[in-house]
Amino acid sequence: MATRESVDNCLLHCNEALEIANQQYSEAAKQEHYNDEDYIQSQQLLQLAANELQLMAHSCNDQQREQLNRMKIQIEQMQHDMITLRH
């Protein structure tokens, strides 16, 4: 079973990835030309966070799994927003 500390660390990594992605999204929304490399890197961070959530969910109790699921929804929404902004 996952420890509380490992779940908290996972959620912290996810929050950091979301914050970086949100900054890149905001910058890209303001500008017609934006830094593609930073934007792509923030998308990669989101995917790494999503992967970490998926791995962590396998060893969690129900309450922890619910926390991770809420974070997964936030990450998926940001991934969707970033993809649709680019098109």
C-alpha atoms as a PDB file:
ATOM      1  CA  MET A   1       0.000   0.000   0.000  1.00  0.00           C
ATOM      2  CA  ALA A   2       1.170   3.513  -0.759  1.00  0.00           C
ATOM      3  CA  THR A   3       2.219   5.608   2.189  1.00  0.00           C
ATOM      4  CA  ARG A   4       0.626   8.938   2.889  1.00  0.00           C
ATOM      5  CA  GLU A   5       3.976  10.588   2.230  1.00  0.00           C
ATOM      6  CA  SER A   6       4.330   8.980  -1.209  1.00  0.00           C
ATOM      7  CA  VAL A   7       0.798  10.067  -2.178  1.00  0.00           C
ATOM      8  CA  ASP A   8       1.476  13.594  -0.904  1.00  0.00           C
ATOM      9  CA  ASN A   9       4.718  13.732  -2.919  1.00  0.00           C
ATOM     10  CA  CYS A  10       2.903  12.531  -6.011  1.00  0.00           C
ATOM     11  CA  LEU A  11       0.223  15.190  -5.574  1.00  0.00           C
ATOM     12  CA  LEU A  12       2.920  17.819  -5.024  1.00  0.00           C
ATOM     13  CA  HIS A  13       4.634  16.857  -8.293  1.00  0.00           C
ATOM     14  CA  CYS A  14       1.291  17.030 -10.059  1.00  0.00           C
ATOM     15  CA  ASN A  15       0.510  20.460  -8.632  1.00  0.00           C
ATOM     16  CA  GLU A  16       3.920  21.720  -9.743  1.00  0.00           C
ATOM     17  CA  ALA A  17       3.360  20.371 -13.260  1.00  0.00           C
ATOM     18  CA  LEU A  18      -0.089  21.981 -13.349  1.00  0.00           C
ATOM     19  CA  GLU A  19       1.320  25.322 -12.214  1.00  0.00           C
ATOM     20  CA  ILE A  20       4.023  25.303 -14.892  1.00  0.00           C
ATOM     21  CA  ALA A  21       1.528  24.242 -17.562  1.00  0.00           C
ATOM     22  CA  ASN A  22      -0.922  26.921 -16.462  1.00  0.00           C
ATOM     23  CA  GLN A  23       1.790  29.579 -16.801  1.00  0.00           C
ATOM     24  CA  GLN A  24       2.706  28.364 -20.279  1.00  0.00           C
ATOM     25  CA  TYR A  25      -0.943  28.185 -21.281  1.00  0.00           C
ATOM     26  CA  SER A  26      -1.546  31.758 -20.094  1.00  0.00           C
ATOM     27  CA  GLU A  27       1.492  33.010 -21.996  1.00  0.00           C
ATOM     28  CA  ALA A  28       0.482  31.176 -25.141  1.00  0.00           C
ATOM     29  CA  ALA A  29      -3.070  32.508 -24.940  1.00  0.00           C
ATOM     30  CA  LYS A  30      -1.754  36.097 -24.775  1.00  0.00           C
ATOM     31  CA  GLN A  31       0.676  35.790 -27.660  1.00  0.00           C
ATOM     32  CA  GLU A  32       0.355  34.727 -31.240  1.00  0.00           C
ATOM     33  CA  HIS A  33       3.909  33.427 -31.196  1.00  0.00           C
ATOM     34  CA  TYR A  34       5.006  31.651 -28.070  1.00  0.00           C
ATOM     35  CA  ASN A  35       7.900  29.598 -26.869  1.00  0.00           C
ATOM     36  CA  ASP A  36       7.209  26.193 -28.375  1.00  0.00           C
ATOM     37  CA  GLU A  37       9.971  24.453 -26.424  1.00  0.00           C
ATOM     38  CA  ASP A  38       8.713  25.578 -23.009  1.00  0.00           C
ATOM     39  CA  TYR A  39       5.140  24.816 -24.006  1.00  0.00           C
ATOM     40  CA  ILE A  40       6.059  21.308 -25.119  1.00  0.00           C
ATOM     41  CA  GLN A  41       8.138  20.729 -21.991  1.00  0.00           C
ATOM     42  CA  SER A  42       5.188  21.699 -19.806  1.00  0.00           C
ATOM     43  CA  GLN A  43       3.012  19.237 -21.737  1.00  0.00           C
ATOM     44  CA  GLN A  44       5.629  16.554 -21.123  1.00  0.00           C
ATOM     45  CA  LEU A  45       5.634  17.366 -17.400  1.00  0.00           C
ATOM     46  CA  LEU A  46       1.869  16.927 -17.359  1.00  0.00           C
ATOM     47  CA  GLN A  47       2.190  13.536 -19.035  1.00  0.00           C
ATOM     48  CA  LEU A  48       4.842  12.435 -16.554  1.00  0.00           C
ATOM     49  CA  ALA A  49       2.570  13.518 -13.718  1.00  0.00           C
ATOM     50  CA  ALA A  50      -0.335  11.591 -15.237  1.00  0.00           C
ATOM     51  CA  ASN A  51       1.869   8.503 -15.525  1.00  0.00           C
ATOM     52  CA  GLU A  52       2.963   8.877 -11.904  1.00  0.00           C
ATOM     53  CA  LEU A  53      -0.669   9.117 -10.829  1.00  0.00           C
ATOM     54  CA  GLN A  54      -1.547   5.986 -12.726  1.00  0.00           C
ATOM     55  CA  LEU A  55       1.273   4.004 -11.124  1.00  0.00           C
ATOM     56  CA  MET A  56       0.471   5.315  -7.658  1.00  0.00           C
ATOM     57  CA  ALA A  57      -3.226   4.479  -7.995  1.00  0.00           C
ATOM     58  CA  HIS A  58      -2.428   0.771  -8.156  1.00  0.00           C
ATOM     59  CA  SER A  59      -1.123   0.718  -4.596  1.00  0.00           C
ATOM     60  CA  CYS A  60      -3.528   3.096  -2.854  1.00  0.00           C
ATOM     61  CA  ASN A  61      -6.490   2.734  -0.585  1.00  0.00           C
ATOM     62  CA  ASP A  62      -9.873   4.069  -1.686  1.00  0.00           C
ATOM     63  CA  GLN A  63      -9.459   7.498  -0.099  1.00  0.00           C
ATOM     64  CA  GLN A  64      -6.030   8.010  -1.654  1.00  0.00           C
ATOM     65  CA  ARG A  65      -7.299   6.770  -5.004  1.00  0.00           C
ATOM     66  CA  GLU A  66     -10.067   9.383  -4.882  1.00  0.00           C
ATOM     67  CA  GLN A  67      -7.510  12.141  -4.263  1.00  0.00           C
ATOM     68  CA  LEU A  68      -5.407  10.908  -7.152  1.00  0.00           C
ATOM     69  CA  ASN A  69      -8.440  10.661  -9.401  1.00  0.00           C
ATOM     70  CA  ARG A  70      -9.379  14.295  -8.734  1.00  0.00           C
ATOM     71  CA  MET A  71      -5.829  15.324  -9.622  1.00  0.00           C
ATOM     72  CA  LYS A  72      -5.934  13.153 -12.757  1.00  0.00           C
ATOM     73  CA  ILE A  73      -9.057  15.012 -13.908  1.00  0.00           C
ATOM     74  CA  GLN A  74      -7.311  18.371 -13.438  1.00  0.00           C
ATOM     75  CA  ILE A  75      -4.271  17.199 -15.383  1.00  0.00           C
ATOM     76  CA  GLU A  76      -6.372  15.770 -18.207  1.00  0.00           C
ATOM     77  CA  GLN A  77      -8.313  19.032 -18.450  1.00  0.00           C
ATOM     78  CA  MET A  78      -5.100  21.049 -18.682  1.00  0.00           C
ATOM     79  CA  GLN A  79      -3.736  18.657 -21.309  1.00  0.00           C
ATOM     80  CA  HIS A  80      -6.932  19.094 -23.302  1.00  0.00           C
ATOM     81  CA  ASP A  81      -6.826  22.878 -22.961  1.00  0.00           C
ATOM     82  CA  MET A  82      -3.202  23.023 -24.099  1.00  0.00           C
ATOM     83  CA  ILE A  83      -3.875  20.834 -27.123  1.00  0.00           C
ATOM     84  CA  THR A  84      -6.944  22.775 -28.212  1.00  0.00           C
ATOM     85  CA  LEU A  85      -5.161  26.122 -27.820  1.00  0.00           C
ATOM     86  CA  ARG A  86      -2.558  24.981 -30.337  1.00  0.00           C
ATOM     87  CA  HIS A  87      -5.110  24.145 -33.024  1.00  0.00           C
END
